[in-house]
Amino acid sequence: AKLIAEQIQQGKLSPQIGQRMLCYCVNSGPAFVIGSVALPLYQ
């Protein structure tokens, strides 16, 4: 979301395309799902 917002504010990305990209650019990263979920919860 931060990268999309920066690109729109700098004029490198249109709000229309940025709105579409937001739908799939918000993801849980591997550090979270592995280190903060799988290892402490399931080992």
All heavy atoms as atom14 arrays in JSON, in Angstrom:
{
  "sequence": "AKLIAEQIQQGKLSPQIGQRMLCYCVNSGPAFVIGSVALPLYQ",
  "atom14_mask": [
    [1, 1, 1, 1, 1, 0, 0, 0, 0, 0, 0, 0, 0, 0],
    [1, 1, 1, 1, 1, 1, 1, 1, 1, 0, 0, 0, 0, 0],
    [1, 1, 1, 1, 1, 1, 1, 1, 0, 0, 0, 0, 0, 0],
    [1, 1, 1, 1, 1, 1, 1, 1, 0, 0, 0, 0, 0, 0],
    [1, 1, 1, 1, 1, 0, 0, 0, 0, 0, 0, 0, 0, 0],
    [1, 1, 1, 1, 1, 1, 1, 1, 1, 0, 0, 0, 0, 0],
    [1, 1, 1, 1, 1, 1, 1, 1, 1, 0, 0, 0, 0, 0],
    [1, 1, 1, 1, 1, 1, 1, 1, 0, 0, 0, 0, 0, 0],
    [1, 1, 1, 1, 1, 1, 1, 1, 1, 0, 0, 0, 0, 0],
    [1, 1, 1, 1, 1, 1, 1, 1, 1, 0, 0, 0, 0, 0],
    [1, 1, 1, 1, 0, 0, 0, 0, 0, 0, 0, 0, 0, 0],
    [1, 1, 1, 1, 1, 1, 1, 1, 1, 0, 0, 0, 0, 0],
    [1, 1, 1, 1, 1, 1, 1, 1, 0, 0, 0, 0, 0, 0],
    [1, 1, 1, 1, 1, 1, 0, 0, 0, 0, 0, 0, 0, 0],
    [1, 1, 1, 1, 1, 1, 1, 0, 0, 0, 0, 0, 0, 0],
    [1, 1, 1, 1, 1, 1, 1, 1, 1, 0, 0, 0, 0, 0],
    [1, 1, 1, 1, 1, 1, 1, 1, 0, 0, 0, 0, 0, 0],
    [1, 1, 1, 1, 0, 0, 0, 0, 0, 0, 0, 0, 0, 0],
    [1, 1, 1, 1, 1, 1, 1, 1, 1, 0, 0, 0, 0, 0],
    [1, 1, 1, 1, 1, 1, 1, 1, 1, 1, 1, 0, 0, 0],
    [1, 1, 1, 1, 1, 1, 1, 1, 0, 0, 0, 0, 0, 0],
    [1, 1, 1, 1, 1, 1, 1, 1, 0, 0, 0, 0, 0, 0],
    [1, 1, 1, 1, 1, 1, 0, 0, 0, 0, 0, 0, 0, 0],
    [1, 1, 1, 1, 1, 1, 1, 1, 1, 1, 1, 1, 0, 0],
    [1, 1, 1, 1, 1, 1, 0, 0, 0, 0, 0, 0, 0, 0],
    [1, 1, 1, 1, 1, 1, 1, 0, 0, 0, 0, 0, 0, 0],
    [1, 1, 1, 1, 1, 1, 1, 1, 0, 0, 0, 0, 0, 0],
    [1, 1, 1, 1, 1, 1, 0, 0, 0, 0, 0, 0, 0, 0],
    [1, 1, 1, 1, 0, 0, 0, 0, 0, 0, 0, 0, 0, 0],
    [1, 1, 1, 1, 1, 1, 1, 0, 0, 0, 0, 0, 0, 0],
    [1, 1, 1, 1, 1, 0, 0, 0, 0, 0, 0, 0, 0, 0],
    [1, 1, 1, 1, 1, 1, 1, 1, 1, 1, 1, 0, 0, 0],
    [1, 1, 1, 1, 1, 1, 1, 0, 0, 0, 0, 0, 0, 0],
    [1, 1, 1, 1, 1, 1, 1, 1, 0, 0, 0, 0, 0, 0],
    [1, 1, 1, 1, 0, 0, 0, 0, 0, 0, 0, 0, 0, 0],
    [1, 1, 1, 1, 1, 1, 0, 0, 0, 0, 0, 0, 0, 0],
    [1, 1, 1, 1, 1, 1, 1, 0, 0, 0, 0, 0, 0, 0],
    [1, 1, 1, 1, 1, 0, 0, 0, 0, 0, 0, 0, 0, 0],
    [1, 1, 1, 1, 1, 1, 1, 1, 0, 0, 0, 0, 0, 0],
    [1, 1, 1, 1, 1, 1, 1, 0, 0, 0, 0, 0, 0, 0],
    [1, 1, 1, 1, 1, 1, 1, 1, 0, 0, 0, 0, 0, 0],
    [1, 1, 1, 1, 1, 1, 1, 1, 1, 1, 1, 1, 0, 0],
    [1, 1, 1, 1, 1, 1, 1, 1, 1, 0, 0, 0, 0, 0]
  ],
  "atom14_positions": [
    [[0.83, -1.21, 0.0], [0.0, 0.0, 0.0], [0.86, 1.25, 0.0], [0.56, 2.24, -0.7], [-0.93, -0.01, 1.21], [0.0, 0.0, 0.0], [0.0, 0.0, 0.0], [0.0, 0.0, 0.0], [0.0, 0.0, 0.0], [0.0, 0.0, 0.0], [0.0, 0.0, 0.0], [0.0, 0.0, 0.0], [0.0, 0.0, 0.0], [0.0, 0.0, 0.0]],
    [[1.96, 1.24, 0.76], [2.85, 2.4, 0.8], [3.5, 2.65, -0.56], [3.59, 3.79, -1.02], [3.93, 2.19, 1.86], [4.91, 3.35, 1.96], [6.01, 3.07, 2.96], [6.95, 4.28, 3.08], [7.6, 4.61, 1.81], [0.0, 0.0, 0.0], [0.0, 0.0, 0.0], [0.0, 0.0, 0.0], [0.0, 0.0, 0.0], [0.0, 0.0, 0.0]],
    [[3.96, 1.58, -1.21], [4.6, 1.73, -2.51], [3.61, 2.25, -3.55], [3.95, 3.09, -4.38], [5.19, 0.39, -2.95], [6.31, -0.17, -2.06], [6.75, -1.53, -2.56], [7.5, 0.79, -2.0], [0.0, 0.0, 0.0], [0.0, 0.0, 0.0], [0.0, 0.0, 0.0], [0.0, 0.0, 0.0], [0.0, 0.0, 0.0], [0.0, 0.0, 0.0]],
    [[2.39, 1.75, -3.51], [1.36, 2.21, -4.44], [1.08, 3.7, -4.21], [0.99, 4.49, -5.16], [0.07, 1.39, -4.27], [0.29, -0.03, -4.82], [-1.1, 2.05, -5.0], [-0.85, -0.97, -4.54], [0.0, 0.0, 0.0], [0.0, 0.0, 0.0], [0.0, 0.0, 0.0], [0.0, 0.0, 0.0], [0.0, 0.0, 0.0], [0.0, 0.0, 0.0]],
    [[0.94, 4.09, -2.94], [0.66, 5.48, -2.62], [1.79, 6.39, -3.11], [1.53, 7.48, -3.67], [0.46, 5.65, -1.12], [0.0, 0.0, 0.0], [0.0, 0.0, 0.0], [0.0, 0.0, 0.0], [0.0, 0.0, 0.0], [0.0, 0.0, 0.0], [0.0, 0.0, 0.0], [0.0, 0.0, 0.0], [0.0, 0.0, 0.0], [0.0, 0.0, 0.0]],
    [[3.04, 5.97, -2.93], [4.17, 6.78, -3.38], [4.18, 6.94, -4.89], [4.42, 8.04, -5.4], [5.48, 6.13, -2.92], [5.77, 6.29, -1.44], [7.11, 5.7, -1.05], [7.65, 4.87, -1.81], [7.6, 6.05, 0.03], [0.0, 0.0, 0.0], [0.0, 0.0, 0.0], [0.0, 0.0, 0.0], [0.0, 0.0, 0.0], [0.0, 0.0, 0.0]],
    [[3.93, 5.85, -5.6], [3.94, 5.92, -7.06], [2.83, 6.84, -7.59], [3.03, 7.57, -8.56], [3.78, 4.51, -7.65], [4.93, 3.57, -7.36], [6.21, 3.97, -8.05], [6.31, 3.99, -9.27], [7.2, 4.35, -7.26], [0.0, 0.0, 0.0], [0.0, 0.0, 0.0], [0.0, 0.0, 0.0], [0.0, 0.0, 0.0], [0.0, 0.0, 0.0]],
    [[1.67, 6.82, -6.95], [0.57, 7.7, -7.36], [0.93, 9.15, -7.09], [0.73, 10.04, -7.93], [-0.73, 7.31, -6.63], [-1.22, 5.94, -7.1], [-1.81, 8.36, -6.86], [-2.44, 5.43, -6.37], [0.0, 0.0, 0.0], [0.0, 0.0, 0.0], [0.0, 0.0, 0.0], [0.0, 0.0, 0.0], [0.0, 0.0, 0.0], [0.0, 0.0, 0.0]],
    [[1.49, 9.43, -5.91], [1.83, 10.8, -5.55], [2.95, 11.37, -6.42], [3.02, 12.58, -6.63], [2.22, 10.87, -4.07], [1.05, 10.63, -3.12], [1.48, 10.6, -1.67], [2.13, 9.67, -1.21], [1.12, 11.63, -0.93], [0.0, 0.0, 0.0], [0.0, 0.0, 0.0], [0.0, 0.0, 0.0], [0.0, 0.0, 0.0], [0.0, 0.0, 0.0]],
    [[3.82, 10.5, -6.93], [4.91, 10.95, -7.79], [4.5, 11.01, -9.26], [5.3, 11.36, -10.12], [6.11, 10.01, -7.64], [6.75, 10.04, -6.26], [7.82, 8.97, -6.09], [8.3, 8.4, -7.07], [8.19, 8.7, -4.85], [0.0, 0.0, 0.0], [0.0, 0.0, 0.0], [0.0, 0.0, 0.0], [0.0, 0.0, 0.0], [0.0, 0.0, 0.0]],
    [[3.25, 10.66, -9.56], [2.77, 10.7, -10.93], [3.23, 9.55, -11.79], [3.08, 9.6, -13.02], [0.0, 0.0, 0.0], [0.0, 0.0, 0.0], [0.0, 0.0, 0.0], [0.0, 0.0, 0.0], [0.0, 0.0, 0.0], [0.0, 0.0, 0.0], [0.0, 0.0, 0.0], [0.0, 0.0, 0.0], [0.0, 0.0, 0.0], [0.0, 0.0, 0.0]],
    [[3.77, 8.5, -11.19], [4.26, 7.33, -11.94], [3.2, 6.24, -12.08], [3.41, 5.27, -12.8], [5.49, 6.74, -11.25], [6.67, 7.7, -11.15], [7.82, 7.04, -10.41], [8.99, 7.98, -10.25], [10.11, 7.35, -9.49], [0.0, 0.0, 0.0], [0.0, 0.0, 0.0], [0.0, 0.0, 0.0], [0.0, 0.0, 0.0], [0.0, 0.0, 0.0]],
    [[2.09, 6.39, -11.37], [1.05, 5.38, -11.38], [-0.3, 6.08, -11.33], [-0.51, 6.98, -10.49], [1.21, 4.45, -10.17], [0.12, 3.39, -9.92], [0.1, 2.38, -11.05], [0.37, 2.69, -8.59], [0.0, 0.0, 0.0], [0.0, 0.0, 0.0], [0.0, 0.0, 0.0], [0.0, 0.0, 0.0], [0.0, 0.0, 0.0], [0.0, 0.0, 0.0]],
    [[-1.2, 5.69, -12.22], [-2.52, 6.31, -12.21], [-3.35, 5.76, -11.05], [-3.19, 4.6, -10.65], [-3.25, 6.03, -13.53], [-3.61, 4.66, -13.61], [0.0, 0.0, 0.0], [0.0, 0.0, 0.0], [0.0, 0.0, 0.0], [0.0, 0.0, 0.0], [0.0, 0.0, 0.0], [0.0, 0.0, 0.0], [0.0, 0.0, 0.0], [0.0, 0.0, 0.0]],
    [[-4.25, 6.56, -10.47], [-5.1, 6.07, -9.38], [-5.95, 4.87, -9.79], [-6.21, 3.99, -8.96], [-5.98, 7.28, -9.04], [-5.18, 8.47, -9.48], [-4.43, 8.0, -10.7], [0.0, 0.0, 0.0], [0.0, 0.0, 0.0], [0.0, 0.0, 0.0], [0.0, 0.0, 0.0], [0.0, 0.0, 0.0], [0.0, 0.0, 0.0], [0.0, 0.0, 0.0]],
    [[-6.35, 4.81, -11.06], [-7.17, 3.68, -11.52], [-6.39, 2.37, -11.44], [-6.9, 1.36, -10.93], [-7.65, 3.93, -12.95], [-8.63, 5.09, -13.1], [-7.95, 6.44, -13.04], [-6.72, 6.55, -13.21], [-8.74, 7.49, -12.79], [0.0, 0.0, 0.0], [0.0, 0.0, 0.0], [0.0, 0.0, 0.0], [0.0, 0.0, 0.0], [0.0, 0.0, 0.0]],
    [[-5.15, 2.37, -11.95], [-4.35, 1.16, -11.89], [-3.93, 0.87, -10.46], [-3.91, -0.28, -10.02], [-3.1, 1.29, -12.8], [-3.53, 1.41, -14.26], [-2.17, 0.09, -12.63], [-2.38, 1.55, -15.23], [0.0, 0.0, 0.0], [0.0, 0.0, 0.0], [0.0, 0.0, 0.0], [0.0, 0.0, 0.0], [0.0, 0.0, 0.0], [0.0, 0.0, 0.0]],
    [[-3.61, 1.91, -9.69], [-3.25, 1.73, -8.29], [-4.38, 1.09, -7.5], [-4.14, 0.25, -6.62], [0.0, 0.0, 0.0], [0.0, 0.0, 0.0], [0.0, 0.0, 0.0], [0.0, 0.0, 0.0], [0.0, 0.0, 0.0], [0.0, 0.0, 0.0], [0.0, 0.0, 0.0], [0.0, 0.0, 0.0], [0.0, 0.0, 0.0], [0.0, 0.0, 0.0]],
    [[-5.61, 1.45, -7.79], [-6.76, 0.87, -7.11], [-6.89, -0.6, -7.41], [-7.22, -1.41, -6.52], [-8.03, 1.61, -7.56], [-9.29, 1.2, -6.84], [-10.43, 2.15, -7.15], [-10.48, 3.27, -6.67], [-11.35, 1.7, -7.99], [0.0, 0.0, 0.0], [0.0, 0.0, 0.0], [0.0, 0.0, 0.0], [0.0, 0.0, 0.0], [0.0, 0.0, 0.0]],
    [[-6.59, -1.0, -8.65], [-6.6, -2.42, -9.01], [-5.46, -3.16, -8.31], [-5.66, -4.25, -7.77], [-6.46, -2.58, -10.52], [-7.7, -2.23, -11.32], [-7.37, -2.11, -12.8], [-6.58, -3.24, -13.26], [-5.83, -3.22, -14.37], [-5.76, -2.13, -15.1], [-5.15, -4.28, -14.72], [0.0, 0.0, 0.0], [0.0, 0.0, 0.0], [0.0, 0.0, 0.0]],
    [[-4.27, -2.56, -8.3], [-3.11, -3.22, -7.71], [-3.28, -3.41, -6.21], [-2.77, -4.37, -5.63], [-1.84, -2.42, -8.01], [-1.47, -2.38, -9.48], [-0.03, -1.34, -9.83], [1.26, -2.3, -9.06], [0.0, 0.0, 0.0], [0.0, 0.0, 0.0], [0.0, 0.0, 0.0], [0.0, 0.0, 0.0], [0.0, 0.0, 0.0], [0.0, 0.0, 0.0]],
    [[-4.0, -2.5, -5.56], [-4.22, -2.63, -4.12], [-4.92, -3.94, -3.78], [-4.71, -4.51, -2.7], [-5.05, -1.45, -3.62], [-5.36, -1.42, -2.13], [-4.07, -1.19, -1.33], [-6.39, -0.33, -1.81], [0.0, 0.0, 0.0], [0.0, 0.0, 0.0], [0.0, 0.0, 0.0], [0.0, 0.0, 0.0], [0.0, 0.0, 0.0], [0.0, 0.0, 0.0]],
    [[-5.74, -4.45, -4.7], [-6.51, -5.67, -4.44], [-5.62, -6.89, -4.22], [-6.04, -7.83, -3.55], [-7.48, -5.94, -5.61], [-8.71, -4.65, -5.85], [0.0, 0.0, 0.0], [0.0, 0.0, 0.0], [0.0, 0.0, 0.0], [0.0, 0.0, 0.0], [0.0, 0.0, 0.0], [0.0, 0.0, 0.0], [0.0, 0.0, 0.0], [0.0, 0.0, 0.0]],
    [[-4.41, -6.88, -4.79], [-3.54, -8.05, -4.64], [-2.15, -7.72, -4.1], [-1.32, -8.61, -3.93], [-3.39, -8.8, -5.97], [-3.04, -7.95, -7.17], [-1.72, -7.67, -7.48], [-4.04, -7.44, -7.99], [-1.4, -6.9, -8.57], [-3.73, -6.66, -9.1], [-2.42, -6.39, -9.38], [-2.1, -5.61, -10.47], [0.0, 0.0, 0.0], [0.0, 0.0, 0.0]],
    [[-1.88, -6.45, -3.81], [-0.57, -6.07, -3.27], [-0.57, -5.94, -1.75], [0.38, -5.4, -1.19], [-0.1, -4.76, -3.91], [0.5, -4.98, -5.6], [0.0, 0.0, 0.0], [0.0, 0.0, 0.0], [0.0, 0.0, 0.0], [0.0, 0.0, 0.0], [0.0, 0.0, 0.0], [0.0, 0.0, 0.0], [0.0, 0.0, 0.0], [0.0, 0.0, 0.0]],
    [[-1.62, -6.38, -1.09], [-1.67, -6.41, 0.37], [-1.58, -7.87, 0.8], [-2.56, -8.61, 0.75], [-2.96, -5.75, 0.91], [-3.02, -5.87, 2.42], [-3.02, -4.28, 0.48], [0.0, 0.0, 0.0], [0.0, 0.0, 0.0], [0.0, 0.0, 0.0], [0.0, 0.0, 0.0], [0.0, 0.0, 0.0], [0.0, 0.0, 0.0], [0.0, 0.0, 0.0]],
    [[-0.39, -8.3, 1.18], [-0.14, -9.72, 1.46], [0.61, -9.89, 2.78], [1.34, -9.01, 3.21], [0.72, -10.33, 0.34], [0.22, -10.0, -1.04], [-0.76, -10.56, -1.51], [0.88, -9.06, -1.71], [0.0, 0.0, 0.0], [0.0, 0.0, 0.0], [0.0, 0.0, 0.0], [0.0, 0.0, 0.0], [0.0, 0.0, 0.0], [0.0, 0.0, 0.0]],
    [[0.41, -11.04, 3.4], [1.22, -11.37, 4.58], [2.54, -11.95, 4.1], [2.57, -12.91, 3.32], [0.48, -12.37, 5.47], [0.14, -13.54, 4.75], [0.0, 0.0, 0.0], [0.0, 0.0, 0.0], [0.0, 0.0, 0.0], [0.0, 0.0, 0.0], [0.0, 0.0, 0.0], [0.0, 0.0, 0.0], [0.0, 0.0, 0.0], [0.0, 0.0, 0.0]],
    [[3.64, -11.38, 4.54], [4.95, -11.81, 4.08], [5.43, -13.08, 4.75], [4.85, -13.54, 5.75], [0.0, 0.0, 0.0], [0.0, 0.0, 0.0], [0.0, 0.0, 0.0], [0.0, 0.0, 0.0], [0.0, 0.0, 0.0], [0.0, 0.0, 0.0], [0.0, 0.0, 0.0], [0.0, 0.0, 0.0], [0.0, 0.0, 0.0], [0.0, 0.0, 0.0]],
    [[6.5, -13.69, 4.24], [7.01, -14.94, 4.81], [7.52, -14.78, 6.24], [7.42, -15.71, 7.03], [8.14, -15.33, 3.85], [8.53, -14.06, 3.16], [7.27, -13.26, 3.06], [0.0, 0.0, 0.0], [0.0, 0.0, 0.0], [0.0, 0.0, 0.0], [0.0, 0.0, 0.0], [0.0, 0.0, 0.0], [0.0, 0.0, 0.0], [0.0, 0.0, 0.0]],
    [[8.07, -13.62, 6.58], [8.56, -13.42, 7.95], [7.42, -13.54, 8.95], [7.6, -14.06, 10.06], [9.22, -12.05, 8.06], [0.0, 0.0, 0.0], [0.0, 0.0, 0.0], [0.0, 0.0, 0.0], [0.0, 0.0, 0.0], [0.0, 0.0, 0.0], [0.0, 0.0, 0.0], [0.0, 0.0, 0.0], [0.0, 0.0, 0.0], [0.0, 0.0, 0.0]],
    [[6.24, -13.08, 8.57], [5.1, -13.13, 9.47], [4.52, -14.54, 9.56], [4.38, -15.1, 10.65], [4.02, -12.15, 9.0], [2.74, -12.26, 9.78], [2.71, -11.9, 11.12], [1.58, -12.72, 9.18], [1.53, -12.01, 11.84], [0.41, -12.83, 9.89], [0.38, -12.47, 11.23], [0.0, 0.0, 0.0], [0.0, 0.0, 0.0], [0.0, 0.0, 0.0]],
    [[4.19, -15.15, 8.4], [3.5, -16.44, 8.44], [4.4, -17.57, 8.92], [3.92, -18.56, 9.49], [2.89, -16.79, 7.06], [1.78, -15.81, 6.7], [3.96, -16.82, 5.98], [0.0, 0.0, 0.0], [0.0, 0.0, 0.0], [0.0, 0.0, 0.0], [0.0, 0.0, 0.0], [0.0, 0.0, 0.0], [0.0, 0.0, 0.0], [0.0, 0.0, 0.0]],
    [[5.71, -17.44, 8.7], [6.63, -18.49, 9.16], [7.1, -18.19, 10.59], [6.94, -19.01, 11.5], [7.84, -18.61, 8.21], [7.39, -19.05, 6.82], [8.85, -19.64, 8.77], [8.5, -19.04, 5.78], [0.0, 0.0, 0.0], [0.0, 0.0, 0.0], [0.0, 0.0, 0.0], [0.0, 0.0, 0.0], [0.0, 0.0, 0.0], [0.0, 0.0, 0.0]],
    [[7.68, -17.01, 10.78], [8.29, -16.71, 12.07], [7.32, -16.34, 13.16], [7.59, -16.57, 14.35], [0.0, 0.0, 0.0], [0.0, 0.0, 0.0], [0.0, 0.0, 0.0], [0.0, 0.0, 0.0], [0.0, 0.0, 0.0], [0.0, 0.0, 0.0], [0.0, 0.0, 0.0], [0.0, 0.0, 0.0], [0.0, 0.0, 0.0], [0.0, 0.0, 0.0]],
    [[6.16, -15.77, 12.81], [5.23, -15.3, 13.82], [3.97, -16.14, 13.94], [3.16, -15.89, 14.82], [4.83, -13.84, 13.53], [5.96, -13.01, 13.54], [0.0, 0.0, 0.0], [0.0, 0.0, 0.0], [0.0, 0.0, 0.0], [0.0, 0.0, 0.0], [0.0, 0.0, 0.0], [0.0, 0.0, 0.0], [0.0, 0.0, 0.0], [0.0, 0.0, 0.0]],
    [[3.79, -17.09, 13.03], [2.6, -17.94, 13.08], [2.97, -19.42, 13.15], [2.7, -20.11, 14.14], [1.67, -17.69, 11.87], [0.48, -18.64, 11.9], [1.17, -16.25, 11.86], [0.0, 0.0, 0.0], [0.0, 0.0, 0.0], [0.0, 0.0, 0.0], [0.0, 0.0, 0.0], [0.0, 0.0, 0.0], [0.0, 0.0, 0.0], [0.0, 0.0, 0.0]],
    [[3.61, -19.93, 12.09], [3.84, -21.37, 12.0], [4.77, -21.9, 13.09], [4.5, -22.93, 13.7], [4.39, -21.71, 10.61], [0.0, 0.0, 0.0], [0.0, 0.0, 0.0], [0.0, 0.0, 0.0], [0.0, 0.0, 0.0], [0.0, 0.0, 0.0], [0.0, 0.0, 0.0], [0.0, 0.0, 0.0], [0.0, 0.0, 0.0], [0.0, 0.0, 0.0]],
    [[5.89, -21.21, 13.31], [6.85, -21.71, 14.3], [6.34, -21.63, 15.74], [6.38, -22.63, 16.46], [8.18, -20.98, 14.15], [8.98, -21.33, 12.89], [10.27, -20.52, 12.83], [9.28, -22.82, 12.85], [0.0, 0.0, 0.0], [0.0, 0.0, 0.0], [0.0, 0.0, 0.0], [0.0, 0.0, 0.0], [0.0, 0.0, 0.0], [0.0, 0.0, 0.0]],
    [[5.82, -20.49, 16.19], [5.35, -20.46, 17.58], [4.07, -21.24, 17.81], [3.86, -21.8, 18.89], [5.13, -18.96, 17.85], [4.93, -18.36, 16.52], [5.77, -19.15, 15.57], [0.0, 0.0, 0.0], [0.0, 0.0, 0.0], [0.0, 0.0, 0.0], [0.0, 0.0, 0.0], [0.0, 0.0, 0.0], [0.0, 0.0, 0.0], [0.0, 0.0, 0.0]],
    [[3.21, -21.32, 16.8], [1.9, -21.95, 16.99], [1.93, -23.45, 16.71], [1.32, -24.24, 17.44], [0.87, -21.26, 16.1], [-0.6, -21.6, 16.36], [-1.0, -21.18, 17.77], [-1.5, -20.89, 15.35], [0.0, 0.0, 0.0], [0.0, 0.0, 0.0], [0.0, 0.0, 0.0], [0.0, 0.0, 0.0], [0.0, 0.0, 0.0], [0.0, 0.0, 0.0]],
    [[2.64, -23.85, 15.65], [2.64, -25.26, 15.23], [4.01, -25.92, 15.35], [4.12, -27.14, 15.16], [2.16, -25.37, 13.78], [0.8, -24.78, 13.54], [0.66, -23.56, 12.87], [-0.35, -25.42, 13.98], [-0.6, -23.0, 12.65], [-1.61, -24.87, 13.76], [-1.72, -23.67, 13.1], [-2.96, -23.12, 12.89], [0.0, 0.0, 0.0], [0.0, 0.0, 0.0]],
    [[5.05, -25.14, 15.59], [6.41, -25.65, 15.59], [6.71, -26.43, 14.31], [7.35, -27.47, 14.31], [6.65, -26.54, 16.83], [6.53, -25.79, 18.14], [6.85, -26.63, 19.35], [7.26, -27.79, 19.23], [6.67, -26.07, 20.54], [0.0, 0.0, 0.0], [0.0, 0.0, 0.0], [0.0, 0.0, 0.0], [0.0, 0.0, 0.0], [0.0, 0.0, 0.0]]
  ]
}
